[in-house]
Amino acid sequence: MNPSTLIGIFASILLLVSVLFFTAESPESFINWPGLAIVVTGTLAATFISYPLKEVVRVVRLVGLVFRRENTYMRDDIRELVDMSRLWFKGDVRAVERELEHTRNPFLRTGIQLVIANTKEDEIFDMLRWRIARLKAREHAEAQIFRTMATYAPAFGMIGTLVGLVNMLEVMDAGDLQVIGPRMAVALLTTFYGILLANLVFKPIAVKLERRTEERLITMNMVLEGISLITKRRLPSFIEETLNSFVANYHDEIRDNSVKPRPDSSVSSAAKG
């Protein structure tokens, strides 16, 4: 389970419990099933109208990624690239092909296969960059669906509010003023549901998927760099050091606060000299 998702879910539940039990006389006053149905059904209906069925179904399956920790296996890819570079540097093509049989990264496998086939370097890069662009476009479109749902949910919340206001005006016309307050509260709850779903469900899922895409793109660009170095027949030690730079944790590149500044007097004297 993804720890940040767990923290977010716990904080959301704590927020809702605080709203229900500490700001209202009755927790049931925040429950309006017809209003919730308007928001959820309307949002889903508009989403199905906006996107093809296969895209919506595929995106629904991706919701599970938000709740589990996904490993990028970047270290494994680096190890495989370095091992293959050593074999390729020795000219042992058969051994490289045997290593490919155990490679679980299809992007890496394709790149090495193109290298073995003596494909031109420019053609290899064009093919791999096209695959990177295709993955980026597909996963961006998947995250965009949830952003679209985050736009629809408050809108349908307003529709539910308008329906509730119309019903309230009919009650006012009948002269029953005692139910105006409860009817108004019910009318506003649909807007509450729409904003809640947009900002606690749909937008966080979209951001999570976008962050996942960024991490996958970093891994793919790291593999692309490794394949580029292999085609140039760089030393395996140099390839390993270069690839490790993709996963190294660096300090601030602009300012290192751990270094003590020189005294003002020395700076002044140095400037005068």
Protein backbone atom coordinates (compact mmCIF):
# COMPACT_ATOMS: atom_id res chain seq x y z
CA MET A 1 0.00 0.00 0.00
CA ASN A 2 1.22 3.47 -0.87
CA PRO A 3 1.97 5.31 2.42
CA SER A 4 1.14 8.77 1.07
CA THR A 5 -2.25 7.51 -0.11
CA LEU A 6 -2.91 6.05 3.33
CA ILE A 7 -2.05 9.36 4.97
CA GLY A 8 -4.33 11.18 2.55
CA ILE A 9 -7.23 8.81 3.16
CA PHE A 10 -6.80 9.07 6.92
CA ALA A 11 -6.69 12.89 6.76
CA SER A 12 -9.80 12.93 4.55
CA ILE A 13 -11.71 10.71 6.94
CA LEU A 14 -10.60 12.89 9.86
CA LEU A 15 -11.80 15.98 8.00
CA LEU A 16 -15.19 14.48 7.25
CA VAL A 17 -15.62 13.23 10.81
CA SER A 18 -14.79 16.70 12.11
CA VAL A 19 -17.34 18.26 9.79
CA LEU A 20 -20.07 15.77 10.62
CA PHE A 21 -19.69 15.57 14.39
CA PHE A 22 -18.33 18.94 15.47
CA THR A 23 -19.99 21.47 13.15
CA ALA A 24 -23.49 20.05 12.82
CA GLU A 25 -26.24 19.31 15.31
CA SER A 26 -27.03 16.06 13.52
CA PRO A 27 -24.60 14.09 11.31
CA GLU A 28 -27.58 12.92 9.24
CA SER A 29 -28.01 16.48 8.01
CA PHE A 30 -24.98 15.96 5.73
CA ILE A 31 -26.47 12.85 4.13
CA ASN A 32 -28.52 13.35 0.98
CA TRP A 33 -28.61 10.28 -1.23
CA PRO A 34 -30.51 11.89 -4.14
CA GLY A 35 -27.99 14.75 -4.24
CA LEU A 36 -25.05 12.35 -4.19
CA ALA A 37 -26.68 10.32 -6.96
CA ILE A 38 -27.03 13.44 -9.10
CA VAL A 39 -23.33 14.27 -8.74
CA VAL A 40 -21.97 10.75 -9.25
CA THR A 41 -24.33 9.72 -12.04
CA GLY A 42 -24.01 13.04 -13.86
CA THR A 43 -20.21 12.99 -13.66
CA LEU A 44 -20.00 9.43 -14.96
CA ALA A 45 -22.50 10.12 -17.71
CA ALA A 46 -20.62 13.20 -18.92
CA THR A 47 -17.34 11.29 -18.80
CA PHE A 48 -18.70 8.45 -20.93
CA ILE A 49 -20.02 10.99 -23.41
CA SER A 50 -16.66 12.77 -23.56
CA TYR A 51 -14.37 9.75 -24.01
CA PRO A 52 -14.45 6.39 -25.81
CA LEU A 53 -15.61 3.44 -23.74
CA LYS A 54 -12.27 1.60 -23.93
CA GLU A 55 -10.39 4.60 -22.53
CA VAL A 56 -12.77 5.04 -19.59
CA VAL A 57 -12.66 1.32 -18.76
CA ARG A 58 -8.85 1.30 -18.90
CA VAL A 59 -8.64 4.34 -16.63
CA VAL A 60 -10.96 2.78 -14.03
CA ARG A 61 -8.50 -0.10 -13.71
CA LEU A 62 -5.69 2.38 -13.03
CA VAL A 63 -7.35 3.58 -9.82
CA GLY A 64 -5.72 0.65 -8.04
CA LEU A 65 -2.29 2.14 -8.79
CA VAL A 66 -3.08 4.98 -6.42
CA PHE A 67 -3.42 2.57 -3.50
CA ARG A 68 -0.32 0.48 -4.04
CA ARG A 69 3.35 1.33 -4.18
CA GLU A 70 4.74 0.85 -7.65
CA ASN A 71 8.43 0.05 -8.00
CA THR A 72 10.27 1.53 -10.98
CA TYR A 73 12.98 -1.17 -10.93
CA MET A 74 15.49 1.43 -12.08
CA ARG A 75 18.32 -0.26 -10.19
CA ASP A 76 17.57 -3.55 -11.95
CA ASP A 77 17.60 -1.82 -15.33
CA ILE A 78 20.95 -0.21 -14.56
CA ARG A 79 22.43 -3.56 -13.55
CA GLU A 80 21.17 -5.22 -16.72
CA LEU A 81 22.47 -2.41 -18.92
CA VAL A 82 25.91 -2.51 -17.30
CA ASP A 83 26.12 -6.31 -17.57
CA MET A 84 25.11 -6.18 -21.23
CA SER A 85 27.57 -3.38 -21.92
CA ARG A 86 30.39 -5.54 -20.54
CA LEU A 87 29.38 -8.43 -22.78
CA TRP A 88 28.95 -6.14 -25.77
CA PHE A 89 32.34 -4.51 -25.12
CA LYS A 90 33.90 -7.98 -25.20
CA GLY A 91 32.06 -8.76 -28.45
CA ASP A 92 30.07 -11.66 -26.94
CA VAL A 93 26.79 -11.14 -28.83
CA ARG A 94 25.46 -14.59 -27.91
CA ALA A 95 25.76 -13.80 -24.21
CA VAL A 96 23.91 -10.52 -24.73
CA GLU A 97 21.09 -12.37 -26.46
CA ARG A 98 20.89 -14.82 -23.56
CA GLU A 99 20.68 -11.90 -21.12
CA LEU A 100 17.82 -10.44 -23.14
CA GLU A 101 15.75 -13.57 -22.53
CA HIS A 102 15.57 -12.63 -18.84
CA THR A 103 14.99 -8.89 -19.33
CA ARG A 104 11.53 -7.84 -18.13
CA ASN A 105 11.77 -4.28 -19.40
CA PRO A 106 10.41 -4.31 -22.98
CA PHE A 107 11.78 -0.85 -23.70
CA LEU A 108 15.30 -1.94 -22.74
CA ARG A 109 14.89 -5.20 -24.65
CA THR A 110 13.89 -3.41 -27.84
CA GLY A 111 16.83 -1.01 -27.61
CA ILE A 112 19.41 -3.76 -27.13
CA GLN A 113 17.88 -5.81 -29.93
CA LEU A 114 18.26 -2.86 -32.27
CA VAL A 115 21.89 -2.49 -31.19
CA ILE A 116 22.54 -6.19 -31.86
CA ALA A 117 20.92 -5.84 -35.29
CA ASN A 118 23.49 -3.12 -36.15
CA THR A 119 20.76 -0.54 -36.59
CA LYS A 120 21.95 2.99 -37.17
CA GLU A 121 22.25 5.07 -34.03
CA ASP A 122 19.87 7.76 -35.28
CA GLU A 123 17.25 5.16 -36.17
CA ILE A 124 17.53 3.58 -32.72
CA PHE A 125 17.03 6.92 -31.02
CA ASP A 126 14.10 7.83 -33.27
CA MET A 127 12.36 4.54 -32.48
CA LEU A 128 12.92 4.77 -28.72
CA ARG A 129 12.00 8.46 -28.52
CA TRP A 130 8.78 7.70 -30.38
CA ARG A 131 7.94 5.06 -27.79
CA ILE A 132 8.65 7.52 -24.99
CA ALA A 133 6.42 10.12 -26.62
CA ARG A 134 3.67 7.54 -27.13
CA LEU A 135 3.72 6.47 -23.48
CA LYS A 136 3.73 10.10 -22.33
CA ALA A 137 0.75 10.98 -24.53
CA ARG A 138 -1.27 7.90 -23.51
CA GLU A 139 -0.73 8.29 -19.78
CA HIS A 140 -1.31 12.04 -19.94
CA ALA A 141 -4.66 11.34 -21.57
CA GLU A 142 -5.50 8.87 -18.79
CA ALA A 143 -4.77 11.43 -16.09
CA GLN A 144 -6.70 14.05 -18.06
CA ILE A 145 -9.87 11.96 -17.76
CA PHE A 146 -9.78 12.34 -13.98
CA ARG A 147 -9.13 16.07 -14.34
CA THR A 148 -12.18 16.25 -16.58
CA MET A 149 -14.23 14.42 -13.96
CA ALA A 150 -12.99 16.92 -11.38
CA THR A 151 -14.46 19.64 -13.60
CA TYR A 152 -17.79 17.89 -14.09
CA ALA A 153 -18.43 17.02 -10.42
CA PRO A 154 -18.87 20.61 -9.08
CA ALA A 155 -20.98 21.48 -12.14
CA PHE A 156 -23.42 18.66 -11.42
CA GLY A 157 -23.34 19.69 -7.78
CA MET A 158 -24.65 23.07 -8.88
CA ILE A 159 -27.33 21.36 -10.94
CA GLY A 160 -28.46 19.45 -7.85
CA THR A 161 -28.49 22.73 -5.93
CA LEU A 162 -30.70 24.34 -8.56
CA VAL A 163 -33.09 21.40 -8.39
CA GLY A 164 -33.26 21.76 -4.62
CA LEU A 165 -33.87 25.51 -4.88
CA VAL A 166 -36.76 24.94 -7.29
CA ASN A 167 -38.32 22.51 -4.83
CA MET A 168 -37.79 25.02 -2.04
CA LEU A 169 -39.54 27.77 -4.01
CA GLU A 170 -42.53 25.49 -4.50
CA VAL A 171 -42.70 24.99 -0.74
CA MET A 172 -42.51 28.75 -0.20
CA ASP A 173 -45.33 29.24 -2.66
CA ALA A 174 -47.41 26.77 -0.67
CA GLY A 175 -46.81 28.81 2.48
CA ASP A 176 -45.03 26.11 4.49
CA LEU A 177 -42.12 28.21 5.78
CA GLN A 178 -40.93 25.68 8.41
CA VAL A 179 -39.30 23.43 5.84
CA ILE A 180 -37.42 26.17 3.98
CA GLY A 181 -34.26 25.72 6.09
CA PRO A 182 -34.02 21.92 5.67
CA ARG A 183 -34.78 22.16 1.96
CA MET A 184 -32.09 24.81 1.54
CA ALA A 185 -29.57 22.63 3.38
CA VAL A 186 -30.37 19.68 1.11
CA ALA A 187 -30.00 21.92 -1.94
CA LEU A 188 -26.51 23.03 -0.88
CA LEU A 189 -25.34 19.51 -0.08
CA THR A 190 -25.06 18.56 -3.75
CA THR A 191 -22.55 21.36 -4.29
CA PHE A 192 -20.71 20.11 -1.21
CA TYR A 193 -20.56 16.59 -2.69
CA GLY A 194 -19.35 17.86 -6.05
CA ILE A 195 -16.52 19.93 -4.57
CA LEU A 196 -15.57 17.11 -2.20
CA LEU A 197 -15.33 14.50 -4.96
CA ALA A 198 -13.41 16.85 -7.23
CA ASN A 199 -10.76 17.81 -4.68
CA LEU A 200 -10.45 14.64 -2.60
CA VAL A 201 -10.92 11.97 -5.26
CA PHE A 202 -10.58 12.98 -8.91
CA LYS A 203 -7.81 15.62 -8.78
CA PRO A 204 -5.58 13.63 -6.37
CA ILE A 205 -5.86 10.56 -8.60
CA ALA A 206 -4.92 12.66 -11.64
CA VAL A 207 -1.87 14.10 -9.87
CA LYS A 208 -0.84 10.63 -8.69
CA LEU A 209 -1.00 9.26 -12.23
CA GLU A 210 0.96 12.24 -13.57
CA ARG A 211 3.70 11.69 -10.99
CA ARG A 212 3.79 8.01 -11.95
CA THR A 213 4.25 9.00 -15.59
CA GLU A 214 7.12 11.33 -14.69
CA GLU A 215 8.94 8.55 -12.85
CA ARG A 216 8.43 6.14 -15.76
CA LEU A 217 9.73 8.73 -18.21
CA ILE A 218 12.85 9.23 -16.10
CA THR A 219 13.45 5.47 -16.21
CA MET A 220 12.94 5.31 -19.96
CA ASN A 221 15.29 8.24 -20.58
CA MET A 222 17.85 6.57 -18.35
CA VAL A 223 17.60 3.41 -20.46
CA LEU A 224 17.84 5.50 -23.63
CA GLU A 225 21.03 7.10 -22.32
CA GLY A 226 22.47 3.69 -21.47
CA ILE A 227 21.75 2.34 -24.94
CA SER A 228 23.29 5.46 -26.45
CA LEU A 229 26.50 4.86 -24.51
CA ILE A 230 26.53 1.19 -25.53
CA THR A 231 26.26 2.10 -29.21
CA LYS A 232 29.22 4.44 -28.73
CA ARG A 233 31.16 1.57 -27.08
CA ARG A 234 31.90 3.49 -23.91
CA LEU A 235 33.53 1.66 -21.03
CA PRO A 236 31.11 -0.26 -18.76
CA SER A 237 32.44 1.60 -15.71
CA PHE A 238 31.65 4.93 -17.37
CA ILE A 239 28.17 3.70 -18.32
CA GLU A 240 27.49 2.56 -14.76
CA GLU A 241 28.61 5.88 -13.29
CA THR A 242 26.49 7.82 -15.78
CA LEU A 243 23.37 5.76 -15.19
CA ASN A 244 23.74 5.95 -11.43
CA SER A 245 23.52 9.72 -11.73
CA PHE A 246 19.85 9.29 -12.67
CA VAL A 247 19.01 7.83 -9.27
CA ALA A 248 21.50 9.66 -7.05
CA ASN A 249 20.20 12.08 -4.43
CA TYR A 250 21.77 15.47 -4.85
CA HIS A 251 21.86 18.51 -2.61
CA ASP A 252 20.90 21.96 -3.73
CA GLU A 253 22.90 22.74 -6.88
CA ILE A 254 22.82 26.49 -6.19
CA ARG A 255 23.61 26.82 -2.49
CA ASP A 256 25.36 24.56 0.02
CA ASN A 257 24.41 25.78 3.48
CA SER A 258 26.72 23.26 5.18
CA VAL A 259 29.77 25.31 4.11
CA LYS A 260 30.66 28.08 6.53
CA PRO A 261 31.06 31.49 4.90
CA ARG A 262 34.34 33.31 5.31
CA PRO A 263 34.44 36.21 7.84
CA ASP A 264 33.40 39.62 6.59
CA SER A 265 36.84 41.02 7.33
CA SER A 266 38.59 38.56 5.04
CA VAL A 267 36.10 39.25 2.31
CA SER A 268 36.64 42.98 2.67
CA SER A 269 40.40 42.67 2.65
CA ALA A 270 40.29 40.35 -0.35
CA ALA A 271 38.09 42.83 -2.17
CA LYS A 272 40.45 45.70 -1.38
CA GLY A 273 43.45 43.74 -2.52
